[in-house]
Amino acid sequence: PNERSRGPRPTWVSAFAYARTGQLEKAEEILNNNLEKRKTEIVPDFMIAVQYCGLGNPEKTIEILKAGIHNQGENFFITNLNEDPFFDCVKHDPAFKEIVDEITPVFTLPPLNK
């Protein structure tokens, strides 16, 4: 059978959903596959951080988000970080607020000339 007949490949969103519904083995398998994929292709830090947050690992979530601040080209998802429900697990953490404060000027667009 070809790849299409197998259905869609699990994604970072699937890993988050599996983790939040207690299917930790499936979530960790997807995360590990994505970490392996990072060796040869771009897997944005945001997507890895979501998976760690879903698995209840706030320390690793913060670590990955901090690294992602400086990888702007691959991390366009990071712009609305403070409003993103994927990161509810770390919104209480002062380190998360520092990340939000640091990215706000980096990703804020200049005003349009009128």
C-alpha atoms as a PDB file:
ATOM      1  CA  PRO A   1       0.000   0.000   0.000  1.00  0.00           C
ATOM      2  CA  ASN A   2       1.137   3.528  -0.660  1.00  0.00           C
ATOM      3  CA  GLU A   3       1.466   6.262   1.984  1.00  0.00           C
ATOM      4  CA  ARG A   4      -1.940   7.771   1.244  1.00  0.00           C
ATOM      5  CA  SER A   5      -3.767   4.559   2.029  1.00  0.00           C
ATOM      6  CA  ARG A   6      -2.390   4.612   5.559  1.00  0.00           C
ATOM      7  CA  GLY A   7      -4.176   7.828   6.444  1.00  0.00           C
ATOM      8  CA  PRO A   8      -2.695  11.045   7.781  1.00  0.00           C
ATOM      9  CA  ARG A   9       0.509  10.949   9.794  1.00  0.00           C
ATOM     10  CA  PRO A  10       0.155  11.941  13.441  1.00  0.00           C
ATOM     11  CA  THR A  11       1.096  15.555  14.054  1.00  0.00           C
ATOM     12  CA  TRP A  12       2.098  17.762  16.942  1.00  0.00           C
ATOM     13  CA  VAL A  13      -1.597  18.515  17.547  1.00  0.00           C
ATOM     14  CA  SER A  14      -2.285  14.782  17.751  1.00  0.00           C
ATOM     15  CA  ALA A  15       0.523  14.425  20.288  1.00  0.00           C
ATOM     16  CA  PHE A  16      -1.000  17.180  22.410  1.00  0.00           C
ATOM     17  CA  ALA A  17      -4.461  15.580  22.208  1.00  0.00           C
ATOM     18  CA  TYR A  18      -3.129  12.117  23.030  1.00  0.00           C
ATOM     19  CA  ALA A  19      -1.246  13.488  26.038  1.00  0.00           C
ATOM     20  CA  ARG A  20      -4.234  15.418  27.344  1.00  0.00           C
ATOM     21  CA  THR A  21      -6.445  12.328  27.093  1.00  0.00           C
ATOM     22  CA  GLY A  22      -3.979  10.136  28.968  1.00  0.00           C
ATOM     23  CA  GLN A  23      -2.548   8.322  25.945  1.00  0.00           C
ATOM     24  CA  LEU A  24       0.992   9.185  26.938  1.00  0.00           C
ATOM     25  CA  GLU A  25       2.750   6.432  24.992  1.00  0.00           C
ATOM     26  CA  LYS A  26       1.232   7.630  21.714  1.00  0.00           C
ATOM     27  CA  ALA A  27       2.041  11.257  22.560  1.00  0.00           C
ATOM     28  CA  GLU A  28       5.635  10.444  23.457  1.00  0.00           C
ATOM     29  CA  GLU A  29       6.067   8.360  20.303  1.00  0.00           C
ATOM     30  CA  ILE A  30       4.963  11.296  18.118  1.00  0.00           C
ATOM     31  CA  LEU A  31       7.178  13.706  20.067  1.00  0.00           C
ATOM     32  CA  ASN A  32      10.181  11.401  19.690  1.00  0.00           C
ATOM     33  CA  ASN A  33       9.503  11.052  15.958  1.00  0.00           C
ATOM     34  CA  ASN A  34       9.363  14.836  15.635  1.00  0.00           C
ATOM     35  CA  LEU A  35      12.583  15.240  17.614  1.00  0.00           C
ATOM     36  CA  GLU A  36      14.240  12.735  15.283  1.00  0.00           C
ATOM     37  CA  LYS A  37      12.823  14.571  12.255  1.00  0.00           C
ATOM     38  CA  ARG A  38      14.466  17.784  13.472  1.00  0.00           C
ATOM     39  CA  LYS A  39      17.829  16.294  12.594  1.00  0.00           C
ATOM     40  CA  THR A  40      17.057  16.481   8.876  1.00  0.00           C
ATOM     41  CA  GLU A  41      14.166  18.908   8.426  1.00  0.00           C
ATOM     42  CA  ILE A  42      12.546  21.905  10.064  1.00  0.00           C
ATOM     43  CA  VAL A  43      10.138  21.135  12.871  1.00  0.00           C
ATOM     44  CA  PRO A  44       9.353  24.492  14.490  1.00  0.00           C
ATOM     45  CA  ASP A  45      10.155  24.973  18.159  1.00  0.00           C
ATOM     46  CA  PHE A  46       6.569  26.035  18.777  1.00  0.00           C
ATOM     47  CA  MET A  47       5.304  22.605  17.695  1.00  0.00           C
ATOM     48  CA  ILE A  48       7.785  20.790  19.928  1.00  0.00           C
ATOM     49  CA  ALA A  49       6.896  23.053  22.871  1.00  0.00           C
ATOM     50  CA  VAL A  50       3.173  22.303  22.417  1.00  0.00           C
ATOM     51  CA  GLN A  51       3.919  18.599  22.698  1.00  0.00           C
ATOM     52  CA  TYR A  52       5.964  19.042  25.869  1.00  0.00           C
ATOM     53  CA  CYS A  53       3.225  21.185  27.399  1.00  0.00           C
ATOM     54  CA  GLY A  54       0.617  18.555  26.541  1.00  0.00           C
ATOM     55  CA  LEU A  55       2.772  15.969  28.280  1.00  0.00           C
ATOM     56  CA  GLY A  56       2.895  18.155  31.391  1.00  0.00           C
ATOM     57  CA  ASN A  57       6.550  19.137  31.124  1.00  0.00           C
ATOM     58  CA  PRO A  58       6.590  22.910  31.755  1.00  0.00           C
ATOM     59  CA  GLU A  59      10.380  23.086  32.160  1.00  0.00           C
ATOM     60  CA  LYS A  60      11.027  21.622  28.712  1.00  0.00           C
ATOM     61  CA  THR A  61       8.203  23.737  27.246  1.00  0.00           C
ATOM     62  CA  ILE A  62       9.859  26.927  28.506  1.00  0.00           C
ATOM     63  CA  GLU A  63      13.298  25.758  27.358  1.00  0.00           C
ATOM     64  CA  ILE A  64      12.085  25.108  23.806  1.00  0.00           C
ATOM     65  CA  LEU A  65      10.131  28.384  23.646  1.00  0.00           C
ATOM     66  CA  LYS A  66      13.197  30.338  24.769  1.00  0.00           C
ATOM     67  CA  ALA A  67      15.221  28.723  21.984  1.00  0.00           C
ATOM     68  CA  GLY A  68      12.429  29.480  19.516  1.00  0.00           C
ATOM     69  CA  ILE A  69      12.550  33.207  20.088  1.00  0.00           C
ATOM     70  CA  HIS A  70      15.727  33.386  18.042  1.00  0.00           C
ATOM     71  CA  ASN A  71      14.511  31.141  15.223  1.00  0.00           C
ATOM     72  CA  GLN A  72      12.077  33.639  13.749  1.00  0.00           C
ATOM     73  CA  GLY A  73      12.110  32.209  10.253  1.00  0.00           C
ATOM     74  CA  GLU A  74      10.637  28.923  11.386  1.00  0.00           C
ATOM     75  CA  ASN A  75       8.546  30.158  14.274  1.00  0.00           C
ATOM     76  CA  PHE A  76       5.823  32.373  12.880  1.00  0.00           C
ATOM     77  CA  PHE A  77       3.401  30.533  15.203  1.00  0.00           C
ATOM     78  CA  ILE A  78       4.991  32.150  18.220  1.00  0.00           C
ATOM     79  CA  THR A  79       3.443  35.581  17.587  1.00  0.00           C
ATOM     80  CA  ASN A  80       0.232  34.989  19.587  1.00  0.00           C
ATOM     81  CA  LEU A  81       1.838  32.941  22.284  1.00  0.00           C
ATOM     82  CA  ASN A  82       0.112  34.672  25.192  1.00  0.00           C
ATOM     83  CA  GLU A  83      -3.368  33.928  23.820  1.00  0.00           C
ATOM     84  CA  ASP A  84      -2.629  30.374  22.723  1.00  0.00           C
ATOM     85  CA  PRO A  85      -4.525  27.776  24.813  1.00  0.00           C
ATOM     86  CA  PHE A  86      -1.847  25.164  24.043  1.00  0.00           C
ATOM     87  CA  PHE A  87       0.339  26.934  26.595  1.00  0.00           C
ATOM     88  CA  ASP A  88      -2.087  27.119  29.500  1.00  0.00           C
ATOM     89  CA  CYS A  89       0.263  24.783  31.394  1.00  0.00           C
ATOM     90  CA  VAL A  90       2.950  27.495  31.591  1.00  0.00           C
ATOM     91  CA  LYS A  91       1.044  30.790  31.557  1.00  0.00           C
ATOM     92  CA  HIS A  92       1.428  31.081  35.341  1.00  0.00           C
ATOM     93  CA  ASP A  93       5.236  30.751  35.081  1.00  0.00           C
ATOM     94  CA  PRO A  94       7.205  34.023  35.291  1.00  0.00           C
ATOM     95  CA  ALA A  95       9.605  32.611  32.680  1.00  0.00           C
ATOM     96  CA  PHE A  96       6.686  32.406  30.232  1.00  0.00           C
ATOM     97  CA  LYS A  97       5.860  36.073  30.825  1.00  0.00           C
ATOM     98  CA  GLU A  98       9.507  36.927  30.137  1.00  0.00           C
ATOM     99  CA  ILE A  99       9.293  35.061  26.819  1.00  0.00           C
ATOM    100  CA  VAL A 100       6.091  36.881  25.868  1.00  0.00           C
ATOM    101  CA  ASP A 101       7.657  40.218  26.820  1.00  0.00           C
ATOM    102  CA  GLU A 102      10.747  39.424  24.753  1.00  0.00           C
ATOM    103  CA  ILE A 103       8.891  38.348  21.604  1.00  0.00           C
ATOM    104  CA  THR A 104       6.366  41.169  21.584  1.00  0.00           C
ATOM    105  CA  PRO A 105       8.783  43.774  20.148  1.00  0.00           C
ATOM    106  CA  VAL A 106      10.440  41.190  17.874  1.00  0.00           C
ATOM    107  CA  PHE A 107       7.227  40.162  16.162  1.00  0.00           C
ATOM    108  CA  THR A 108       5.251  43.412  16.289  1.00  0.00           C
ATOM    109  CA  LEU A 109       4.787  44.893  12.845  1.00  0.00           C
ATOM    110  CA  PRO A 110       5.583  48.572  12.369  1.00  0.00           C
ATOM    111  CA  PRO A 111       2.585  50.833  11.735  1.00  0.00           C
ATOM    112  CA  LEU A 112       1.540  51.277   8.129  1.00  0.00           C
ATOM    113  CA  ASN A 113       2.293  54.647   6.558  1.00  0.00           C
ATOM    114  CA  LYS A 114      -0.894  56.529   5.835  1.00  0.00           C
END
